Amino acid sequence: MAIQTTDALLTPAEVAALFRVNPKTVTRWARAGKISAIRTLGGHRRFRASEIKRALDHMERESSY
């Protein structure tokens, strides 16, 4: 799955698919401050694609050691 470099907003399910975790895990990460979330008017969380890409890159670099 390719992530655009523009600041597209991703849903928790989309982020979860990228990290191969449960969407609830993504919500926990946001609550814990590990990743930042934007709240929609309806109260749903959205995540900046650019930040998620950085987090994925960081995670991949750490796991390659």
PDB file of N, CA and C in Angstrom:
ATOM      1  N   MET A   1       0.857  -1.182   0.000  1.00  0.00           N
ATOM      2  CA  MET A   1       0.000   0.000   0.000  1.00  0.00           C
ATOM      3  C   MET A   1       0.898   1.239   0.000  1.00  0.00           C
ATOM      4  N   ALA A   2       0.713   2.107  -0.951  1.00  0.00           N
ATOM      5  CA  ALA A   2       1.525   3.321  -1.051  1.00  0.00           C
ATOM      6  C   ALA A   2       0.861   4.459  -0.284  1.00  0.00           C
ATOM      7  N   ILE A   3       1.699   5.236   0.387  1.00  0.00           N
ATOM      8  CA  ILE A   3       1.209   6.402   1.115  1.00  0.00           C
ATOM      9  C   ILE A   3       1.652   7.635   0.343  1.00  0.00           C
ATOM     10  N   GLN A   4       0.714   8.523   0.076  1.00  0.00           N
ATOM     11  CA  GLN A   4       1.071   9.765  -0.594  1.00  0.00           C
ATOM     12  C   GLN A   4       1.852  10.636   0.373  1.00  0.00           C
ATOM     13  N   THR A   5       2.773  11.450  -0.165  1.00  0.00           N
ATOM     14  CA  THR A   5       3.578  12.290   0.703  1.00  0.00           C
ATOM     15  C   THR A   5       2.840  13.550   1.134  1.00  0.00           C
ATOM     16  N   THR A   6       1.701  13.841   0.513  1.00  0.00           N
ATOM     17  CA  THR A   6       0.912  14.974   0.980  1.00  0.00           C
ATOM     18  C   THR A   6       0.317  14.603   2.330  1.00  0.00           C
ATOM     19  N   ASP A   7      -0.188  15.580   3.038  1.00  0.00           N
ATOM     20  CA  ASP A   7      -0.742  15.277   4.353  1.00  0.00           C
ATOM     21  C   ASP A   7      -2.173  14.773   4.247  1.00  0.00           C
ATOM     22  N   ALA A   8      -2.316  13.647   3.572  1.00  0.00           N
ATOM     23  CA  ALA A   8      -3.612  12.985   3.525  1.00  0.00           C
ATOM     24  C   ALA A   8      -3.908  12.471   4.929  1.00  0.00           C
ATOM     25  N   LEU A   9      -5.158  12.314   5.244  1.00  0.00           N
ATOM     26  CA  LEU A   9      -5.540  11.815   6.562  1.00  0.00           C
ATOM     27  C   LEU A   9      -5.964  10.361   6.449  1.00  0.00           C
ATOM     28  N   LEU A  10      -5.428   9.546   7.340  1.00  0.00           N
ATOM     29  CA  LEU A  10      -5.722   8.123   7.352  1.00  0.00           C
ATOM     30  C   LEU A  10      -6.606   7.771   8.539  1.00  0.00           C
ATOM     31  N   THR A  11      -7.443   6.783   8.346  1.00  0.00           N
ATOM     32  CA  THR A  11      -8.288   6.291   9.439  1.00  0.00           C
ATOM     33  C   THR A  11      -7.471   5.333  10.306  1.00  0.00           C
ATOM     34  N   PRO A  12      -7.948   5.060  11.518  1.00  0.00           N
ATOM     35  CA  PRO A  12      -7.250   4.075  12.352  1.00  0.00           C
ATOM     36  C   PRO A  12      -7.119   2.716  11.660  1.00  0.00           C
ATOM     37  N   ALA A  13      -8.124   2.311  10.901  1.00  0.00           N
ATOM     38  CA  ALA A  13      -8.067   1.025  10.199  1.00  0.00           C
ATOM     39  C   ALA A  13      -6.968   1.031   9.134  1.00  0.00           C
ATOM     40  N   GLU A  14      -6.810   2.137   8.430  1.00  0.00           N
ATOM     41  CA  GLU A  14      -5.759   2.234   7.416  1.00  0.00           C
ATOM     42  C   GLU A  14      -4.375   2.192   8.058  1.00  0.00           C
ATOM     43  N   VAL A  15      -4.219   2.895   9.172  1.00  0.00           N
ATOM     44  CA  VAL A  15      -2.941   2.894   9.890  1.00  0.00           C
ATOM     45  C   VAL A  15      -2.660   1.494  10.429  1.00  0.00           C
ATOM     46  N   ALA A  16      -3.678   0.859  10.961  1.00  0.00           N
ATOM     47  CA  ALA A  16      -3.522  -0.491  11.504  1.00  0.00           C
ATOM     48  C   ALA A  16      -3.070  -1.467  10.416  1.00  0.00           C
ATOM     49  N   ALA A  17      -3.617  -1.342   9.223  1.00  0.00           N
ATOM     50  CA  ALA A  17      -3.225  -2.226   8.116  1.00  0.00           C
ATOM     51  C   ALA A  17      -1.754  -2.024   7.764  1.00  0.00           C
ATOM     52  N   LEU A  18      -1.290  -0.787   7.796  1.00  0.00           N
ATOM     53  CA  LEU A  18       0.113  -0.499   7.469  1.00  0.00           C
ATOM     54  C   LEU A  18       1.062  -1.100   8.503  1.00  0.00           C
ATOM     55  N   PHE A  19       0.686  -1.011   9.784  1.00  0.00           N
ATOM     56  CA  PHE A  19       1.528  -1.536  10.857  1.00  0.00           C
ATOM     57  C   PHE A  19       1.248  -3.006  11.158  1.00  0.00           C
ATOM     58  N   ARG A  20       0.200  -3.546  10.521  1.00  0.00           N
ATOM     59  CA  ARG A  20      -0.236  -4.928  10.756  1.00  0.00           C
ATOM     60  C   ARG A  20      -0.592  -5.162  12.227  1.00  0.00           C
ATOM     61  N   VAL A  21      -1.396  -4.238  12.755  1.00  0.00           N
ATOM     62  CA  VAL A  21      -1.905  -4.360  14.126  1.00  0.00           C
ATOM     63  C   VAL A  21      -3.416  -4.137  14.107  1.00  0.00           C
ATOM     64  N   ASN A  22      -4.042  -4.321  15.241  1.00  0.00           N
ATOM     65  CA  ASN A  22      -5.471  -4.086  15.390  1.00  0.00           C
ATOM     66  C   ASN A  22      -5.735  -2.576  15.453  1.00  0.00           C
ATOM     67  N   PRO A  23      -6.836  -2.089  14.884  1.00  0.00           N
ATOM     68  CA  PRO A  23      -7.158  -0.650  14.979  1.00  0.00           C
ATOM     69  C   PRO A  23      -7.217  -0.133  16.415  1.00  0.00           C
ATOM     70  N   LYS A  24      -7.596  -0.989  17.368  1.00  0.00           N
ATOM     71  CA  LYS A  24      -7.623  -0.565  18.773  1.00  0.00           C
ATOM     72  C   LYS A  24      -6.216  -0.241  19.269  1.00  0.00           C
ATOM     73  N   THR A  25      -5.223  -0.933  18.737  1.00  0.00           N
ATOM     74  CA  THR A  25      -3.836  -0.656  19.103  1.00  0.00           C
ATOM     75  C   THR A  25      -3.443   0.738  18.643  1.00  0.00           C
ATOM     76  N   VAL A  26      -3.878   1.111  17.456  1.00  0.00           N
ATOM     77  CA  VAL A  26      -3.593   2.444  16.918  1.00  0.00           C
ATOM     78  C   VAL A  26      -4.230   3.502  17.820  1.00  0.00           C
ATOM     79  N   THR A  27      -5.441   3.264  18.260  1.00  0.00           N
ATOM     80  CA  THR A  27      -6.123   4.192  19.164  1.00  0.00           C
ATOM     81  C   THR A  27      -5.363   4.311  20.485  1.00  0.00           C
ATOM     82  N   ARG A  28      -4.868   3.186  21.002  1.00  0.00           N
ATOM     83  CA  ARG A  28      -4.078   3.209  22.244  1.00  0.00           C
ATOM     84  C   ARG A  28      -2.794   4.010  22.055  1.00  0.00           C
ATOM     85  N   TRP A  29      -2.129   3.827  20.908  1.00  0.00           N
ATOM     86  CA  TRP A  29      -0.907   4.587  20.625  1.00  0.00           C
ATOM     87  C   TRP A  29      -1.201   6.080  20.610  1.00  0.00           C
ATOM     88  N   ALA A  30      -2.334   6.456  20.028  1.00  0.00           N
ATOM     89  CA  ALA A  30      -2.702   7.872  19.966  1.00  0.00           C
ATOM     90  C   ALA A  30      -2.965   8.417  21.366  1.00  0.00           C
ATOM     91  N   ARG A  31      -3.686   7.647  22.184  1.00  0.00           N
ATOM     92  CA  ARG A  31      -3.965   8.074  23.568  1.00  0.00           C
ATOM     93  C   ARG A  31      -2.683   8.215  24.373  1.00  0.00           C
ATOM     94  N   ALA A  32      -1.720   7.327  24.110  1.00  0.00           N
ATOM     95  CA  ALA A  32      -0.452   7.336  24.845  1.00  0.00           C
ATOM     96  C   ALA A  32       0.518   8.398  24.317  1.00  0.00           C
ATOM     97  N   GLY A  33       0.174   9.020  23.192  1.00  0.00           N
ATOM     98  CA  GLY A  33       1.038  10.057  22.640  1.00  0.00           C
ATOM     99  C   GLY A  33       2.145   9.539  21.740  1.00  0.00           C
ATOM    100  N   LYS A  34       2.114   8.257  21.388  1.00  0.00           N
ATOM    101  CA  LYS A  34       3.141   7.698  20.507  1.00  0.00           C
ATOM    102  C   LYS A  34       2.990   8.207  19.081  1.00  0.00           C
ATOM    103  N   ILE A  35       1.753   8.441  18.673  1.00  0.00           N
ATOM    104  CA  ILE A  35       1.470   9.071  17.377  1.00  0.00           C
ATOM    105  C   ILE A  35       0.395  10.124  17.625  1.00  0.00           C
ATOM    106  N   SER A  36       0.438  11.191  16.853  1.00  0.00           N
ATOM    107  CA  SER A  36      -0.555  12.242  17.081  1.00  0.00           C
ATOM    108  C   SER A  36      -1.759  12.040  16.167  1.00  0.00           C
ATOM    109  N   ALA A  37      -2.898  12.382  16.691  1.00  0.00           N
ATOM    110  CA  ALA A  37      -4.154  12.218  15.957  1.00  0.00           C
ATOM    111  C   ALA A  37      -4.864  13.558  15.852  1.00  0.00           C
ATOM    112  N   ILE A  38      -5.595  13.694  14.782  1.00  0.00           N
ATOM    113  CA  ILE A  38      -6.460  14.853  14.576  1.00  0.00           C
ATOM    114  C   ILE A  38      -7.880  14.353  14.821  1.00  0.00           C
ATOM    115  N   ARG A  39      -8.671  15.132  15.500  1.00  0.00           N
ATOM    116  CA  ARG A  39     -10.062  14.736  15.745  1.00  0.00           C
ATOM    117  C   ARG A  39     -10.967  15.403  14.719  1.00  0.00           C
ATOM    118  N   THR A  40     -11.872  14.626  14.139  1.00  0.00           N
ATOM    119  CA  THR A  40     -12.862  15.184  13.221  1.00  0.00           C
ATOM    120  C   THR A  40     -13.970  15.842  14.043  1.00  0.00           C
ATOM    121  N   LEU A  41     -14.863  16.521  13.373  1.00  0.00           N
ATOM    122  CA  LEU A  41     -15.980  17.142  14.084  1.00  0.00           C
ATOM    123  C   LEU A  41     -16.841  16.093  14.789  1.00  0.00           C
ATOM    124  N   GLY A  42     -16.880  14.886  14.240  1.00  0.00           N
ATOM    125  CA  GLY A  42     -17.648  13.804  14.847  1.00  0.00           C
ATOM    126  C   GLY A  42     -16.900  13.075  15.950  1.00  0.00           C
ATOM    127  N   GLY A  43     -15.654  13.495  16.218  1.00  0.00           N
ATOM    128  CA  GLY A  43     -14.880  12.893  17.294  1.00  0.00           C
ATOM    129  C   GLY A  43     -14.012  11.714  16.878  1.00  0.00           C
ATOM    130  N   HIS A  44     -13.957  11.427  15.578  1.00  0.00           N
ATOM    131  CA  HIS A  44     -13.138  10.314  15.099  1.00  0.00           C
ATOM    132  C   HIS A  44     -11.679  10.751  14.948  1.00  0.00           C
ATOM    133  N   ARG A  45     -10.781   9.814  15.130  1.00  0.00           N
ATOM    134  CA  ARG A  45      -9.357  10.114  14.978  1.00  0.00           C
ATOM    135  C   ARG A  45      -8.931   9.940  13.529  1.00  0.00           C
ATOM    136  N   ARG A  46      -8.071  10.835  13.079  1.00  0.00           N
ATOM    137  CA  ARG A  46      -7.432  10.725  11.766  1.00  0.00           C
ATOM    138  C   ARG A  46      -5.947  10.995  11.969  1.00  0.00           C
ATOM    139  N   PHE A  47      -5.135  10.380  11.137  1.00  0.00           N
ATOM    140  CA  PHE A  47      -3.688  10.454  11.291  1.00  0.00           C
ATOM    141  C   PHE A  47      -3.058  10.981  10.013  1.00  0.00           C
ATOM    142  N   ARG A  48      -2.087  11.877  10.154  1.00  0.00           N
ATOM    143  CA  ARG A  48      -1.389  12.430   8.989  1.00  0.00           C
ATOM    144  C   ARG A  48      -0.533  11.351   8.337  1.00  0.00           C
ATOM    145  N   ALA A  49      -0.704  11.185   7.040  1.00  0.00           N
ATOM    146  CA  ALA A  49       0.034  10.159   6.296  1.00  0.00           C
ATOM    147  C   ALA A  49       1.541  10.371   6.404  1.00  0.00           C
ATOM    148  N   SER A  50       1.984  11.622   6.391  1.00  0.00           N
ATOM    149  CA  SER A  50       3.427  11.896   6.456  1.00  0.00           C
ATOM    150  C   SER A  50       4.008  11.434   7.793  1.00  0.00           C
ATOM    151  N   GLU A  51       3.287  11.643   8.878  1.00  0.00           N
ATOM    152  CA  GLU A  51       3.772  11.221  10.193  1.00  0.00           C
ATOM    153  C   GLU A  51       3.784   9.698  10.302  1.00  0.00           C
ATOM    154  N   ILE A  52       2.765   9.057   9.762  1.00  0.00           N
ATOM    155  CA  ILE A  52       2.690   7.594   9.801  1.00  0.00           C
ATOM    156  C   ILE A  52       3.827   6.997   8.980  1.00  0.00           C
ATOM    157  N   LYS A  53       4.126   7.609   7.844  1.00  0.00           N
ATOM    158  CA  LYS A  53       5.235   7.121   7.013  1.00  0.00           C
ATOM    159  C   LYS A  53       6.559   7.225   7.777  1.00  0.00           C
ATOM    160  N   ARG A  54       6.772   8.339   8.482  1.00  0.00           N
ATOM    161  CA  ARG A  54       7.991   8.492   9.287  1.00  0.00           C
ATOM    162  C   ARG A  54       8.057   7.419  10.381  1.00  0.00           C
ATOM    163  N   ALA A  55       6.933   7.170  11.041  1.00  0.00           N
ATOM    164  CA  ALA A  55       6.898   6.165  12.107  1.00  0.00           C
ATOM    165  C   ALA A  55       7.188   4.770  11.542  1.00  0.00           C
ATOM    166  N   LEU A  56       6.635   4.465  10.378  1.00  0.00           N
ATOM    167  CA  LEU A  56       6.895   3.174   9.741  1.00  0.00           C
ATOM    168  C   LEU A  56       8.369   3.038   9.370  1.00  0.00           C
ATOM    169  N   ASP A  57       8.933   4.082   8.783  1.00  0.00           N
ATOM    170  CA  ASP A  57      10.349   4.067   8.403  1.00  0.00           C
ATOM    171  C   ASP A  57      11.229   3.857   9.629  1.00  0.00           C
ATOM    172  N   HIS A  58      10.899   4.553  10.706  1.00  0.00           N
ATOM    173  CA  HIS A  58      11.666   4.441  11.954  1.00  0.00           C
ATOM    174  C   HIS A  58      11.595   3.004  12.495  1.00  0.00           C
ATOM    175  N   MET A  59      10.400   2.448  12.473  1.00  0.00           N
ATOM    176  CA  MET A  59      10.192   1.099  12.980  1.00  0.00           C
ATOM    177  C   MET A  59      10.956   0.078  12.130  1.00  0.00           C
ATOM    178  N   GLU A  60      10.944   0.262  10.817  1.00  0.00           N
ATOM    179  CA  GLU A  60      11.651  -0.658   9.927  1.00  0.00           C
ATOM    180  C   GLU A  60      13.167  -0.573  10.130  1.00  0.00           C
ATOM    181  N   ARG A  61      13.676   0.649  10.347  1.00  0.00           N
ATOM    182  CA  ARG A  61      15.108   0.807  10.595  1.00  0.00           C
ATOM    183  C   ARG A  61      15.515   0.102  11.883  1.00  0.00           C
ATOM    184  N   GLU A  62      14.709   0.244  12.925  1.00  0.00           N
ATOM    185  CA  GLU A  62      15.033  -0.386  14.209  1.00  0.00           C
ATOM    186  C   GLU A  62      14.973  -1.903  14.131  1.00  0.00           C
ATOM    187  N   SER A  63      14.034  -2.432  13.359  1.00  0.00           N
ATOM    188  CA  SER A  63      13.900  -3.890  13.284  1.00  0.00           C
ATOM    189  C   SER A  63      14.960  -4.522  12.390  1.00  0.00           C
ATOM    190  N   SER A  64      15.653  -3.716  11.580  1.00  0.00           N
ATOM    191  CA  SER A  64      16.664  -4.277  10.689  1.00  0.00           C
ATOM    192  C   SER A  64      18.009  -4.476  11.393  1.00  0.00           C
ATOM    193  N   TYR A  65      18.127  -4.009  12.631  1.00  0.00           N
ATOM    194  CA  TYR A  65      19.385  -4.171  13.379  1.00  0.00           C
ATOM    195  C   TYR A  65      19.444  -5.471  14.104  1.00  0.00           C
TER     196      TYR A  65
END
